């Protein structure tokens, strides 16, 4: 299941190591070679023994750019915290830039470390809530320190693993949840300043990538049933 999005997103406070609001520890990410065969196009299952006393559900989807995403959701309605664990595999022949690493402003002020999983953006439509890791448009008016997009490189045949926990903001009581991640091919004129971190090779991108990236989304997770929609 895939989608393309061009939208303006609100800003949230988050760190890879800790959820700033309530101090919940969360993992970062790593890139590794994956010799395993591609997973099925869509596959879901559920595990009721969840660490946050929610319901853990898993799904696997194939997307554009020869990508395969496996994600596990663990949502705790009492605390309104969603834990997401994911593996993104590049099954294509060209390196990808994955925009799940936040932005240059967050790194510059120390909100997160360079290379860590960044801030998911929350978008609501009634009871539907999306968390999105993607390059966001330049805010208006333009800030002194703009949130320049950054991305981690995912080589052909490699797998990117990451996780985060997120407390939903506001008073929304979600009926459905999903997570999306933006990506595009590495090597065009929209990226520069490659450098190495402990998590992998990072790129700085221009705001032009907002209209060039592709979003790969999980199916909707139904909070009432604890399952992903087929």
N, C-alpha and C. Protein backbone atom coordinates (compact mmCIF):
# COMPACT_ATOMS: atom_id res chain seq x y z
N UNK A 1 0.84 -1.17 0.00
CA UNK A 1 0.00 0.00 0.00
C UNK A 1 0.88 1.23 0.00
N UNK A 2 0.73 2.10 -0.93
CA UNK A 2 1.58 3.26 -1.06
C UNK A 2 0.72 4.49 -1.24
N UNK A 3 1.33 5.65 -1.04
CA UNK A 3 0.63 6.91 -1.26
C UNK A 3 1.66 7.97 -1.47
N UNK A 4 1.27 9.01 -2.19
CA UNK A 4 2.11 10.19 -2.33
C UNK A 4 1.44 11.32 -1.56
N UNK A 5 2.24 12.15 -0.89
CA UNK A 5 1.65 13.20 -0.09
C UNK A 5 2.45 14.47 -0.25
N UNK A 6 1.74 15.55 -0.33
CA UNK A 6 2.35 16.87 -0.33
C UNK A 6 1.54 17.68 0.66
N UNK A 7 2.02 17.78 1.90
CA UNK A 7 1.20 18.39 2.92
C UNK A 7 2.09 19.17 3.86
N UNK A 8 1.48 20.05 4.62
CA UNK A 8 2.18 20.82 5.63
C UNK A 8 1.94 20.14 6.97
N UNK A 9 2.99 19.95 7.77
CA UNK A 9 2.87 19.17 8.98
C UNK A 9 3.20 20.01 10.20
N UNK A 10 2.55 19.73 11.36
CA UNK A 10 2.90 20.41 12.61
C UNK A 10 4.20 19.88 13.17
N UNK A 11 4.76 20.62 14.14
CA UNK A 11 6.02 20.24 14.76
C UNK A 11 5.77 19.61 16.11
N UNK A 12 6.45 18.50 16.42
CA UNK A 12 6.34 17.82 17.69
C UNK A 12 7.73 17.69 18.29
N UNK A 13 7.77 17.48 19.63
CA UNK A 13 9.03 17.29 20.32
C UNK A 13 9.26 15.81 20.54
N UNK A 14 10.42 15.31 20.09
CA UNK A 14 10.70 13.86 20.17
C UNK A 14 12.18 13.65 20.09
N UNK A 15 12.68 12.64 20.77
CA UNK A 15 14.06 12.24 20.59
C UNK A 15 14.08 10.76 20.32
N UNK A 16 15.15 10.30 19.66
CA UNK A 16 15.26 8.87 19.39
C UNK A 16 15.45 8.10 20.68
N UNK A 17 16.22 8.63 21.59
CA UNK A 17 16.49 7.91 22.81
C UNK A 17 15.33 7.95 23.79
N UNK A 18 14.59 9.08 23.84
CA UNK A 18 13.54 9.22 24.82
C UNK A 18 12.38 9.99 24.23
N UNK A 19 11.17 9.61 24.62
CA UNK A 19 9.98 10.36 24.27
C UNK A 19 9.93 11.53 25.23
N UNK A 20 10.09 12.75 24.72
CA UNK A 20 10.34 13.91 25.56
C UNK A 20 9.23 14.15 26.57
N UNK A 21 7.98 13.89 26.19
CA UNK A 21 6.86 14.23 27.04
C UNK A 21 6.88 13.43 28.33
N UNK A 22 7.11 12.11 28.24
CA UNK A 22 7.00 11.27 29.42
C UNK A 22 8.22 10.40 29.65
N UNK A 23 9.28 10.60 28.88
CA UNK A 23 10.54 9.92 29.15
C UNK A 23 10.54 8.43 28.92
N UNK A 24 9.88 7.96 27.87
CA UNK A 24 9.86 6.54 27.56
C UNK A 24 11.05 6.20 26.69
N UNK A 25 11.88 5.21 27.06
CA UNK A 25 13.03 4.87 26.22
C UNK A 25 12.58 4.24 24.92
N UNK A 26 13.28 4.59 23.85
CA UNK A 26 12.97 4.01 22.54
C UNK A 26 14.26 3.79 21.78
N UNK A 27 14.27 2.79 20.91
CA UNK A 27 15.48 2.47 20.16
C UNK A 27 15.69 3.40 18.99
N UNK A 28 16.88 3.32 18.41
CA UNK A 28 17.20 4.11 17.24
C UNK A 28 17.05 3.25 16.00
N UNK A 29 18.11 3.07 15.25
CA UNK A 29 17.97 2.32 14.00
C UNK A 29 19.33 1.82 13.56
N UNK A 30 19.31 0.88 12.62
CA UNK A 30 20.54 0.38 12.04
C UNK A 30 20.26 -0.08 10.62
N UNK A 31 21.32 -0.07 9.82
CA UNK A 31 21.23 -0.55 8.45
C UNK A 31 22.07 -1.80 8.35
N UNK A 32 21.53 -2.86 7.75
CA UNK A 32 22.26 -4.12 7.63
C UNK A 32 21.93 -4.78 6.31
N UNK A 33 22.87 -5.56 5.81
CA UNK A 33 22.60 -6.35 4.62
C UNK A 33 21.59 -7.44 4.96
N UNK A 34 20.67 -7.70 4.04
CA UNK A 34 19.62 -8.68 4.29
C UNK A 34 19.57 -9.67 3.15
N UNK A 35 20.10 -10.89 3.34
CA UNK A 35 20.10 -11.86 2.26
C UNK A 35 18.79 -12.63 2.15
N UNK A 36 17.84 -12.35 3.06
CA UNK A 36 16.59 -13.12 3.06
C UNK A 36 15.75 -12.78 1.86
N UNK A 37 14.90 -13.71 1.39
CA UNK A 37 14.03 -13.46 0.24
C UNK A 37 12.96 -12.45 0.57
N UNK A 38 12.34 -11.81 -0.45
CA UNK A 38 11.31 -10.82 -0.21
C UNK A 38 10.12 -11.42 0.52
N UNK A 39 9.49 -10.65 1.46
CA UNK A 39 8.30 -11.14 2.15
C UNK A 39 7.08 -11.05 1.24
N UNK A 40 5.94 -11.60 1.67
CA UNK A 40 4.73 -11.52 0.86
C UNK A 40 4.30 -10.08 0.64
N UNK A 41 3.43 -9.85 -0.35
CA UNK A 41 2.98 -8.51 -0.67
C UNK A 41 2.29 -7.87 0.51
N UNK A 42 1.32 -8.56 1.13
CA UNK A 42 0.69 -8.07 2.35
C UNK A 42 0.48 -9.26 3.27
N UNK A 43 0.94 -9.13 4.50
CA UNK A 43 0.79 -10.22 5.46
C UNK A 43 0.58 -9.62 6.83
N UNK A 44 -0.44 -10.07 7.58
CA UNK A 44 -0.69 -9.51 8.89
C UNK A 44 -0.84 -10.63 9.91
N UNK A 45 -0.44 -10.33 11.15
CA UNK A 45 -0.71 -11.24 12.25
C UNK A 45 -0.73 -10.45 13.54
N UNK A 46 -1.15 -11.08 14.64
CA UNK A 46 -1.34 -10.37 15.89
C UNK A 46 -0.74 -11.16 17.04
N UNK A 47 -0.17 -10.46 17.99
CA UNK A 47 0.35 -11.05 19.21
C UNK A 47 -0.25 -10.27 20.38
N UNK A 48 -1.04 -10.91 21.21
CA UNK A 48 -1.76 -10.20 22.27
C UNK A 48 -0.89 -9.90 23.48
N UNK A 49 0.33 -10.48 23.56
CA UNK A 49 1.19 -10.23 24.69
C UNK A 49 2.11 -9.06 24.36
N UNK A 50 1.65 -7.85 24.67
CA UNK A 50 2.37 -6.64 24.29
C UNK A 50 3.00 -5.99 25.51
N UNK A 51 4.21 -5.47 25.31
CA UNK A 51 4.97 -4.91 26.43
C UNK A 51 4.29 -3.70 27.04
N UNK A 52 3.53 -2.93 26.24
CA UNK A 52 2.87 -1.73 26.76
C UNK A 52 1.42 -2.00 27.08
N UNK A 53 1.05 -3.27 27.23
CA UNK A 53 -0.30 -3.67 27.59
C UNK A 53 -1.31 -3.26 26.52
N UNK A 54 -0.87 -3.15 25.31
CA UNK A 54 -1.76 -2.91 24.19
C UNK A 54 -1.88 -4.20 23.40
N UNK A 55 -2.08 -4.08 22.10
CA UNK A 55 -2.18 -5.25 21.23
C UNK A 55 -1.18 -5.10 20.11
N UNK A 56 -0.28 -6.05 19.99
CA UNK A 56 0.76 -5.98 18.97
C UNK A 56 0.24 -6.63 17.68
N UNK A 57 0.33 -5.91 16.60
CA UNK A 57 -0.07 -6.42 15.30
C UNK A 57 1.05 -6.14 14.32
N UNK A 58 1.22 -7.03 13.34
CA UNK A 58 2.30 -6.90 12.37
C UNK A 58 1.75 -6.94 10.95
N UNK A 59 2.45 -6.26 10.06
CA UNK A 59 2.04 -6.23 8.66
C UNK A 59 3.26 -6.10 7.78
N UNK A 60 3.18 -6.60 6.57
CA UNK A 60 4.24 -6.47 5.57
C UNK A 60 3.63 -5.98 4.27
N UNK A 61 4.20 -4.93 3.69
CA UNK A 61 3.68 -4.37 2.45
C UNK A 61 4.83 -4.12 1.48
N UNK A 62 4.55 -4.23 0.20
CA UNK A 62 5.49 -3.85 -0.86
C UNK A 62 5.08 -2.50 -1.41
N UNK A 63 6.08 -1.67 -1.68
CA UNK A 63 5.80 -0.33 -2.17
C UNK A 63 6.52 -0.01 -3.46
N UNK A 64 6.42 1.25 -3.85
CA UNK A 64 7.15 1.72 -5.02
C UNK A 64 8.65 1.70 -4.73
N UNK A 65 9.43 1.92 -5.76
CA UNK A 65 10.89 1.95 -5.67
C UNK A 65 11.46 0.62 -5.18
N UNK A 66 10.74 -0.49 -5.43
CA UNK A 66 11.20 -1.82 -5.06
C UNK A 66 11.49 -1.93 -3.56
N UNK A 67 10.55 -1.46 -2.75
CA UNK A 67 10.71 -1.48 -1.31
C UNK A 67 9.75 -2.47 -0.66
N UNK A 68 10.16 -2.98 0.49
CA UNK A 68 9.34 -3.89 1.28
C UNK A 68 9.40 -3.44 2.74
N UNK A 69 8.26 -3.20 3.32
CA UNK A 69 8.18 -2.67 4.68
C UNK A 69 7.48 -3.67 5.59
N UNK A 70 8.16 -4.04 6.66
CA UNK A 70 7.54 -4.84 7.73
C UNK A 70 7.42 -3.94 8.95
N UNK A 71 6.21 -3.83 9.51
CA UNK A 71 5.99 -2.96 10.67
C UNK A 71 5.16 -3.68 11.72
N UNK A 72 5.46 -3.39 12.98
CA UNK A 72 4.69 -3.91 14.11
C UNK A 72 4.19 -2.72 14.93
N UNK A 73 2.89 -2.71 15.21
CA UNK A 73 2.27 -1.67 16.03
C UNK A 73 1.91 -2.27 17.39
N UNK A 74 2.15 -1.51 18.43
CA UNK A 74 1.74 -1.86 19.79
C UNK A 74 1.13 -0.61 20.39
N UNK A 75 -0.21 -0.54 20.41
CA UNK A 75 -0.90 0.67 20.88
C UNK A 75 -1.56 0.41 22.23
N UNK A 76 -1.28 1.31 23.18
CA UNK A 76 -1.87 1.23 24.52
C UNK A 76 -2.92 2.33 24.65
N UNK A 77 -4.21 2.01 24.59
CA UNK A 77 -5.25 3.04 24.64
C UNK A 77 -5.23 3.87 25.92
N UNK A 78 -4.88 3.27 27.06
CA UNK A 78 -4.90 4.01 28.31
C UNK A 78 -3.92 5.17 28.30
N UNK A 79 -2.72 4.93 27.80
CA UNK A 79 -1.69 5.98 27.76
C UNK A 79 -1.65 6.70 26.43
N UNK A 80 -2.35 6.16 25.41
CA UNK A 80 -2.37 6.72 24.06
C UNK A 80 -0.96 6.77 23.48
N UNK A 81 -0.19 5.72 23.76
CA UNK A 81 1.16 5.61 23.24
C UNK A 81 1.20 4.52 22.17
N UNK A 82 1.76 4.86 21.02
CA UNK A 82 1.95 3.90 19.94
C UNK A 82 3.44 3.59 19.81
N UNK A 83 3.78 2.31 19.94
CA UNK A 83 5.14 1.86 19.69
C UNK A 83 5.19 1.24 18.30
N UNK A 84 6.14 1.68 17.50
CA UNK A 84 6.29 1.19 16.13
C UNK A 84 7.69 0.61 15.96
N UNK A 85 7.76 -0.62 15.49
CA UNK A 85 9.01 -1.27 15.13
C UNK A 85 8.94 -1.57 13.63
N UNK A 86 9.99 -1.27 12.89
CA UNK A 86 9.91 -1.45 11.45
C UNK A 86 11.22 -1.89 10.84
N UNK A 87 11.08 -2.58 9.69
CA UNK A 87 12.22 -2.96 8.85
C UNK A 87 11.85 -2.60 7.42
N UNK A 88 12.69 -1.80 6.79
CA UNK A 88 12.49 -1.39 5.41
C UNK A 88 13.59 -1.98 4.56
N UNK A 89 13.24 -2.76 3.54
CA UNK A 89 14.23 -3.41 2.68
C UNK A 89 14.21 -2.78 1.31
N UNK A 90 15.39 -2.48 0.81
CA UNK A 90 15.55 -1.98 -0.55
C UNK A 90 15.85 -3.16 -1.46
N UNK A 91 14.82 -3.62 -2.19
CA UNK A 91 14.99 -4.76 -3.08
C UNK A 91 15.39 -4.33 -4.49
N UNK A 92 15.63 -3.04 -4.69
CA UNK A 92 15.98 -2.54 -6.01
C UNK A 92 17.48 -2.49 -6.24
N UNK A 93 17.85 -1.88 -7.37
CA UNK A 93 19.26 -1.82 -7.77
C UNK A 93 19.88 -0.45 -7.53
N UNK A 94 19.11 0.48 -6.95
CA UNK A 94 19.58 1.85 -6.73
C UNK A 94 19.43 2.21 -5.26
N UNK A 95 20.41 2.92 -4.72
CA UNK A 95 20.34 3.34 -3.32
C UNK A 95 19.18 4.30 -3.09
N UNK A 96 18.58 4.23 -1.91
CA UNK A 96 17.45 5.07 -1.55
C UNK A 96 17.83 6.02 -0.42
N UNK A 97 17.20 7.19 -0.41
CA UNK A 97 17.27 8.12 0.72
C UNK A 97 15.96 8.00 1.48
N UNK A 98 16.05 7.65 2.76
CA UNK A 98 14.85 7.43 3.59
C UNK A 98 14.74 8.59 4.58
N UNK A 99 13.60 9.25 4.57
CA UNK A 99 13.42 10.47 5.37
C UNK A 99 12.78 10.19 6.72
N UNK A 100 13.41 9.30 7.49
CA UNK A 100 12.93 9.02 8.85
C UNK A 100 13.90 9.54 9.90
N UNK A 101 14.80 10.47 9.49
CA UNK A 101 15.88 10.92 10.38
C UNK A 101 15.68 12.34 10.90
N UNK A 102 14.48 12.90 10.81
CA UNK A 102 14.25 14.24 11.33
C UNK A 102 14.74 15.32 10.40
N UNK A 103 15.28 16.42 10.96
CA UNK A 103 15.73 17.55 10.15
C UNK A 103 16.96 18.19 10.78
N UNK A 104 17.61 19.05 10.01
CA UNK A 104 18.87 19.64 10.44
C UNK A 104 18.71 20.56 11.65
N UNK A 105 17.57 21.22 11.77
CA UNK A 105 17.35 22.10 12.91
C UNK A 105 17.30 21.30 14.21
N UNK A 106 16.56 20.19 14.21
CA UNK A 106 16.46 19.36 15.41
C UNK A 106 17.83 18.82 15.82
N UNK A 107 18.64 18.48 14.84
CA UNK A 107 19.99 18.00 15.13
C UNK A 107 20.86 19.14 15.66
N UNK A 108 20.73 20.30 15.04
CA UNK A 108 21.58 21.43 15.41
C UNK A 108 21.34 21.92 16.83
N UNK A 109 20.10 21.86 17.32
CA UNK A 109 19.81 22.35 18.67
C UNK A 109 19.91 21.23 19.71
N UNK A 110 20.30 20.02 19.27
CA UNK A 110 20.50 18.93 20.20
C UNK A 110 19.24 18.18 20.59
N UNK A 111 18.16 18.39 19.87
CA UNK A 111 16.92 17.65 20.17
C UNK A 111 17.08 16.17 19.84
N UNK A 112 17.93 15.87 18.85
CA UNK A 112 18.22 14.49 18.50
C UNK A 112 19.64 14.41 17.98
N UNK A 113 20.21 13.21 17.98
CA UNK A 113 21.55 12.99 17.46
C UNK A 113 21.48 12.76 15.96
N UNK A 114 22.52 13.16 15.27
CA UNK A 114 22.61 12.94 13.83
C UNK A 114 22.57 11.44 13.54
N UNK A 115 21.62 11.03 12.73
CA UNK A 115 21.47 9.62 12.38
C UNK A 115 20.37 8.91 13.13
N UNK A 116 19.89 9.50 14.24
CA UNK A 116 18.81 8.88 14.99
C UNK A 116 17.47 9.02 14.26
N UNK A 117 16.53 8.15 14.62
CA UNK A 117 15.17 8.28 14.10
C UNK A 117 14.60 9.62 14.55
N UNK A 118 13.93 10.31 13.65
CA UNK A 118 13.47 11.67 13.92
C UNK A 118 12.06 11.75 14.49
N UNK A 119 11.44 12.88 14.29
CA UNK A 119 10.15 13.21 14.88
C UNK A 119 9.02 12.80 13.95
N UNK A 120 8.13 11.92 14.37
CA UNK A 120 6.96 11.64 13.53
C UNK A 120 5.96 12.79 13.63
N UNK A 121 5.34 13.11 12.53
CA UNK A 121 4.36 14.20 12.50
C UNK A 121 2.95 13.62 12.54
N UNK A 122 2.12 14.19 13.36
CA UNK A 122 0.78 13.68 13.57
C UNK A 122 -0.22 14.45 12.71
N UNK A 123 -1.01 13.73 11.93
CA UNK A 123 -2.06 14.32 11.12
C UNK A 123 -3.37 13.61 11.44
N UNK A 124 -4.42 14.39 11.72
CA UNK A 124 -5.70 13.83 12.12
C UNK A 124 -6.77 14.14 11.07
N UNK A 125 -7.66 13.17 10.88
CA UNK A 125 -8.85 13.36 10.06
C UNK A 125 -9.98 12.59 10.75
N UNK A 126 -10.68 13.28 11.64
CA UNK A 126 -11.68 12.60 12.45
C UNK A 126 -11.00 11.63 13.39
N UNK A 127 -11.41 10.36 13.33
CA UNK A 127 -10.78 9.34 14.16
C UNK A 127 -9.59 8.67 13.52
N UNK A 128 -9.21 9.10 12.32
CA UNK A 128 -8.04 8.55 11.63
C UNK A 128 -6.81 9.40 11.96
N UNK A 129 -5.77 8.75 12.47
CA UNK A 129 -4.54 9.44 12.86
C UNK A 129 -3.37 8.82 12.12
N UNK A 130 -2.60 9.67 11.42
CA UNK A 130 -1.40 9.22 10.73
C UNK A 130 -0.17 9.80 11.41
N UNK A 131 0.85 8.98 11.57
CA UNK A 131 2.17 9.43 11.97
C UNK A 131 3.07 9.32 10.75
N UNK A 132 3.78 10.41 10.45
CA UNK A 132 4.51 10.47 9.19
C UNK A 132 5.96 10.88 9.44
N UNK A 133 6.88 10.07 8.93
CA UNK A 133 8.29 10.44 8.83
C UNK A 133 8.54 10.78 7.37
N UNK A 134 8.74 12.04 7.06
CA UNK A 134 8.95 12.46 5.68
C UNK A 134 9.51 13.87 5.67
N UNK A 135 10.08 14.25 4.53
CA UNK A 135 10.55 15.62 4.37
C UNK A 135 9.34 16.55 4.37
N UNK A 136 9.38 17.57 5.20
CA UNK A 136 8.26 18.51 5.33
C UNK A 136 8.56 19.81 4.60
N UNK A 137 7.54 20.53 4.14
CA UNK A 137 7.75 21.80 3.44
C UNK A 137 8.40 22.85 4.32
N UNK A 138 9.03 23.83 3.72
CA UNK A 138 9.61 24.95 4.44
C UNK A 138 8.47 25.76 5.09
N UNK A 139 8.53 25.97 6.41
CA UNK A 139 7.45 26.72 7.07
C UNK A 139 7.39 28.17 6.59
N UNK A 140 6.22 28.76 6.72
CA UNK A 140 6.02 30.18 6.41
C UNK A 140 5.48 30.89 7.65
N UNK A 141 6.08 32.02 8.05
CA UNK A 141 7.28 32.62 7.46
C UNK A 141 8.52 31.76 7.72
N UNK A 142 9.50 31.91 6.86
CA UNK A 142 10.70 31.09 6.95
C UNK A 142 11.44 31.36 8.25
N UNK A 143 11.74 30.33 9.05
CA UNK A 143 12.45 30.54 10.31
C UNK A 143 13.92 30.84 10.09
N UNK A 144 14.57 31.37 11.11
CA UNK A 144 15.99 31.66 11.03
C UNK A 144 16.80 30.39 10.83
N UNK A 145 16.41 29.33 11.53
CA UNK A 145 17.06 28.03 11.38
C UNK A 145 16.05 27.06 10.77
N UNK A 146 16.04 26.94 9.45
CA UNK A 146 15.01 26.12 8.80
C UNK A 146 15.19 24.62 9.08
N UNK A 147 14.08 23.87 9.11
CA UNK A 147 14.14 22.41 9.34
C UNK A 147 14.51 21.67 8.06
N UNK A 148 15.76 21.86 7.61
CA UNK A 148 16.23 21.24 6.38
C UNK A 148 16.14 19.72 6.48
N UNK A 149 15.52 19.05 5.49
CA UNK A 149 15.36 17.59 5.57
C UNK A 149 16.71 16.87 5.54
N UNK A 150 16.79 15.77 6.28
CA UNK A 150 17.94 14.88 6.21
C UNK A 150 17.42 13.46 5.98
N UNK A 151 18.27 12.63 5.40
CA UNK A 151 17.86 11.26 5.08
C UNK A 151 19.02 10.32 5.32
N UNK A 152 18.71 9.06 5.54
CA UNK A 152 19.72 8.03 5.65
C UNK A 152 19.71 7.20 4.37
N UNK A 153 20.90 6.82 3.92
CA UNK A 153 21.00 6.05 2.67
C UNK A 153 20.76 4.57 2.95
N UNK A 154 19.96 3.96 2.07
CA UNK A 154 19.66 2.53 2.15
C UNK A 154 20.15 1.89 0.85
N UNK A 155 21.23 1.14 0.95
CA UNK A 155 21.87 0.56 -0.23
C UNK A 155 21.01 -0.55 -0.83
N UNK A 156 21.23 -0.87 -2.11
CA UNK A 156 20.51 -1.99 -2.73
C UNK A 156 20.73 -3.29 -1.95
N UNK A 157 19.65 -4.00 -1.67
CA UNK A 157 19.73 -5.25 -0.94
C UNK A 157 19.84 -5.12 0.56
N UNK A 158 19.94 -3.89 1.07
CA UNK A 158 20.10 -3.67 2.51
C UNK A 158 18.75 -3.46 3.18
N UNK A 159 18.75 -3.60 4.51
CA UNK A 159 17.55 -3.42 5.32
C UNK A 159 17.81 -2.39 6.40
N UNK A 160 16.88 -1.47 6.56
CA UNK A 160 16.94 -0.44 7.60
C UNK A 160 15.96 -0.83 8.70
N UNK A 161 16.45 -0.96 9.93
CA UNK A 161 15.60 -1.30 11.06
C UNK A 161 15.53 -0.12 12.01
N UNK A 162 14.34 0.16 12.53
CA UNK A 162 14.16 1.27 13.45
C UNK A 162 12.95 1.08 14.33
N UNK A 163 12.84 1.92 15.33
CA UNK A 163 11.69 1.88 16.23
C UNK A 163 11.52 3.22 16.91
N UNK A 164 10.29 3.51 17.33
CA UNK A 164 10.02 4.72 18.10
C UNK A 164 8.73 4.51 18.89
N UNK A 165 8.56 5.31 19.93
CA UNK A 165 7.31 5.34 20.70
C UNK A 165 6.80 6.77 20.69
N UNK A 166 5.50 6.91 20.56
CA UNK A 166 4.93 8.24 20.37
C UNK A 166 3.63 8.36 21.15
N UNK A 167 3.54 9.41 21.99
CA UNK A 167 2.31 9.72 22.71
C UNK A 167 1.49 10.67 21.85
N UNK A 168 0.29 10.26 21.49
CA UNK A 168 -0.56 11.10 20.65
C UNK A 168 -0.82 12.44 21.32
N UNK A 169 -0.74 13.50 20.55
CA UNK A 169 -0.95 14.83 21.09
C UNK A 169 -2.43 15.19 21.01
N UNK A 170 -2.83 16.19 21.79
CA UNK A 170 -4.21 16.65 21.77
C UNK A 170 -5.14 15.68 22.49
N UNK A 171 -6.42 15.79 22.18
CA UNK A 171 -7.44 15.00 22.83
C UNK A 171 -8.04 13.93 21.92
N UNK A 172 -7.44 13.74 20.76
CA UNK A 172 -8.00 12.79 19.80
C UNK A 172 -8.03 11.38 20.39
N UNK A 173 -9.17 10.69 20.16
CA UNK A 173 -9.31 9.28 20.51
C UNK A 173 -9.34 8.51 19.19
N UNK A 174 -8.22 7.90 18.81
CA UNK A 174 -8.12 7.33 17.46
C UNK A 174 -8.97 6.08 17.29
N UNK A 175 -9.58 5.98 16.11
CA UNK A 175 -10.24 4.74 15.71
C UNK A 175 -9.31 3.91 14.82
N UNK A 176 -8.51 4.61 14.02
CA UNK A 176 -7.55 3.94 13.15
C UNK A 176 -6.23 4.69 13.20
N UNK A 177 -5.12 3.93 13.05
CA UNK A 177 -3.78 4.49 13.06
C UNK A 177 -3.00 3.94 11.88
N UNK A 178 -2.09 4.74 11.33
CA UNK A 178 -1.13 4.21 10.38
C UNK A 178 0.12 5.06 10.40
N UNK A 179 1.21 4.49 9.86
CA UNK A 179 2.49 5.17 9.80
C UNK A 179 2.99 5.16 8.38
N UNK A 180 3.55 6.30 7.96
CA UNK A 180 4.09 6.44 6.61
C UNK A 180 5.53 6.94 6.68
N UNK A 181 6.33 6.55 5.69
CA UNK A 181 7.72 7.00 5.62
C UNK A 181 8.02 7.43 4.19
N UNK A 182 8.72 8.56 4.05
CA UNK A 182 9.07 9.10 2.75
C UNK A 182 10.43 8.62 2.29
N UNK A 183 10.59 8.49 0.97
CA UNK A 183 11.86 8.03 0.40
C UNK A 183 11.96 8.45 -1.06
N UNK A 184 13.17 8.40 -1.58
CA UNK A 184 13.41 8.67 -3.00
C UNK A 184 14.80 8.13 -3.34
N UNK A 185 15.13 8.10 -4.63
CA UNK A 185 16.45 7.63 -5.05
C UNK A 185 17.53 8.63 -4.64
N UNK A 186 18.68 8.09 -4.25
CA UNK A 186 19.84 8.92 -3.95
C UNK A 186 20.55 9.27 -5.25
N UNK A 187 21.21 10.44 -5.27
CA UNK A 187 22.09 10.75 -6.38
C UNK A 187 21.64 11.86 -7.30
N UNK A 188 20.48 12.45 -7.02
CA UNK A 188 20.08 13.56 -7.89
C UNK A 188 20.53 14.89 -7.28
N UNK A 189 20.09 15.98 -7.89
CA UNK A 189 20.59 17.30 -7.53
C UNK A 189 19.98 17.85 -6.24
N UNK A 190 19.08 17.12 -5.64
CA UNK A 190 18.38 17.64 -4.47
C UNK A 190 19.08 17.33 -3.15
N UNK A 191 20.21 16.63 -3.20
CA UNK A 191 20.90 16.21 -1.97
C UNK A 191 22.38 16.56 -2.02
N UNK A 192 22.94 16.85 -0.82
CA UNK A 192 24.36 17.14 -0.73
C UNK A 192 24.85 16.79 0.67
N UNK A 193 26.10 17.12 0.95
CA UNK A 193 26.73 16.95 2.26
C UNK A 193 26.62 15.53 2.81
N UNK A 194 27.03 14.52 2.02
CA UNK A 194 27.00 13.16 2.58
C UNK A 194 28.03 13.01 3.70
N UNK A 195 27.67 12.28 4.74
CA UNK A 195 28.60 12.04 5.84
C UNK A 195 28.17 10.77 6.56
N UNK A 196 29.12 10.17 7.26
CA UNK A 196 28.89 8.89 7.91
C UNK A 196 28.54 9.08 9.38
N UNK A 197 27.57 8.32 9.87
CA UNK A 197 27.23 8.28 11.29
C UNK A 197 27.27 6.82 11.75
N UNK A 198 27.06 6.60 13.04
CA UNK A 198 27.07 5.22 13.54
C UNK A 198 25.90 4.41 13.00
N UNK A 199 24.87 5.09 12.48
CA UNK A 199 23.70 4.39 11.95
C UNK A 199 23.77 4.20 10.44
N UNK A 200 24.65 4.94 9.76
CA UNK A 200 24.74 4.82 8.32
C UNK A 200 25.10 6.15 7.68
N UNK A 201 25.11 6.16 6.35
CA UNK A 201 25.47 7.36 5.61
C UNK A 201 24.27 8.30 5.51
N UNK A 202 24.50 9.56 5.87
CA UNK A 202 23.43 10.56 5.91
C UNK A 202 23.59 11.57 4.77
N UNK A 203 22.45 12.12 4.34
CA UNK A 203 22.42 13.16 3.32
C UNK A 203 21.58 14.34 3.81
N UNK A 204 21.97 15.53 3.40
CA UNK A 204 21.13 16.72 3.59
C UNK A 204 20.40 16.98 2.28
N UNK A 205 19.12 17.31 2.37
CA UNK A 205 18.29 17.48 1.16
C UNK A 205 17.70 18.88 1.11
N UNK A 206 17.37 19.33 -0.09
CA UNK A 206 16.67 20.60 -0.25
C UNK A 206 15.18 20.37 -0.03
N UNK A 207 14.45 21.46 0.14
CA UNK A 207 13.00 21.34 0.34
C UNK A 207 12.30 20.90 -0.94
N UNK A 208 13.01 20.88 -2.07
CA UNK A 208 12.42 20.39 -3.32
C UNK A 208 12.06 18.92 -3.24
N UNK A 209 12.66 18.17 -2.30
CA UNK A 209 12.36 16.74 -2.21
C UNK A 209 10.94 16.49 -1.70
N UNK A 210 10.33 17.49 -1.10
CA UNK A 210 8.97 17.32 -0.59
C UNK A 210 8.03 16.87 -1.70
N UNK A 211 8.21 17.44 -2.89
CA UNK A 211 7.36 17.09 -4.03
C UNK A 211 7.91 15.93 -4.85
N UNK A 212 9.07 15.42 -4.49
CA UNK A 212 9.69 14.34 -5.24
C UNK A 212 9.63 13.00 -4.51
N UNK A 213 9.48 13.04 -3.18
CA UNK A 213 9.52 11.81 -2.39
C UNK A 213 8.26 10.98 -2.60
N UNK A 214 8.37 9.71 -2.31
CA UNK A 214 7.25 8.78 -2.33
C UNK A 214 6.98 8.32 -0.90
N UNK A 215 5.73 8.27 -0.52
CA UNK A 215 5.36 7.78 0.80
C UNK A 215 4.96 6.31 0.73
N UNK A 216 5.52 5.51 1.61
CA UNK A 216 5.10 4.13 1.78
C UNK A 216 4.43 4.03 3.14
N UNK A 217 3.17 3.58 3.13
CA UNK A 217 2.36 3.57 4.35
C UNK A 217 1.95 2.15 4.72
N UNK A 218 1.81 1.93 6.02
CA UNK A 218 1.21 0.69 6.48
C UNK A 218 -0.28 0.72 6.16
N UNK A 219 -0.94 -0.44 6.18
CA UNK A 219 -2.40 -0.42 6.17
C UNK A 219 -2.90 0.27 7.45
N UNK A 220 -4.17 0.60 7.48
CA UNK A 220 -4.75 1.17 8.69
C UNK A 220 -4.83 0.11 9.79
N UNK A 221 -4.46 0.52 10.99
CA UNK A 221 -4.57 -0.33 12.18
C UNK A 221 -5.86 0.04 12.90
N UNK A 222 -6.76 -0.93 13.06
CA UNK A 222 -8.04 -0.68 13.73
C UNK A 222 -7.86 -0.84 15.24
N UNK A 223 -8.06 0.25 15.97
CA UNK A 223 -7.82 0.23 17.40
C UNK A 223 -8.77 -0.72 18.13
N UNK A 224 -10.02 -0.79 17.69
CA UNK A 224 -11.02 -1.62 18.37
C UNK A 224 -10.70 -3.11 18.27
N UNK A 225 -10.23 -3.54 17.09
CA UNK A 225 -9.96 -4.97 16.88
C UNK A 225 -8.51 -5.35 17.15
N UNK A 226 -7.61 -4.35 17.13
CA UNK A 226 -6.19 -4.65 17.30
C UNK A 226 -5.56 -5.30 16.11
N UNK A 227 -6.18 -5.14 14.92
CA UNK A 227 -5.67 -5.73 13.68
C UNK A 227 -5.44 -4.65 12.63
N UNK A 228 -4.56 -4.93 11.69
CA UNK A 228 -4.44 -4.11 10.49
C UNK A 228 -5.57 -4.49 9.53
N UNK A 229 -6.10 -3.48 8.83
CA UNK A 229 -7.10 -3.75 7.81
C UNK A 229 -6.48 -4.57 6.69
N UNK A 230 -7.25 -5.48 6.07
CA UNK A 230 -6.70 -6.28 4.97
C UNK A 230 -6.44 -5.42 3.74
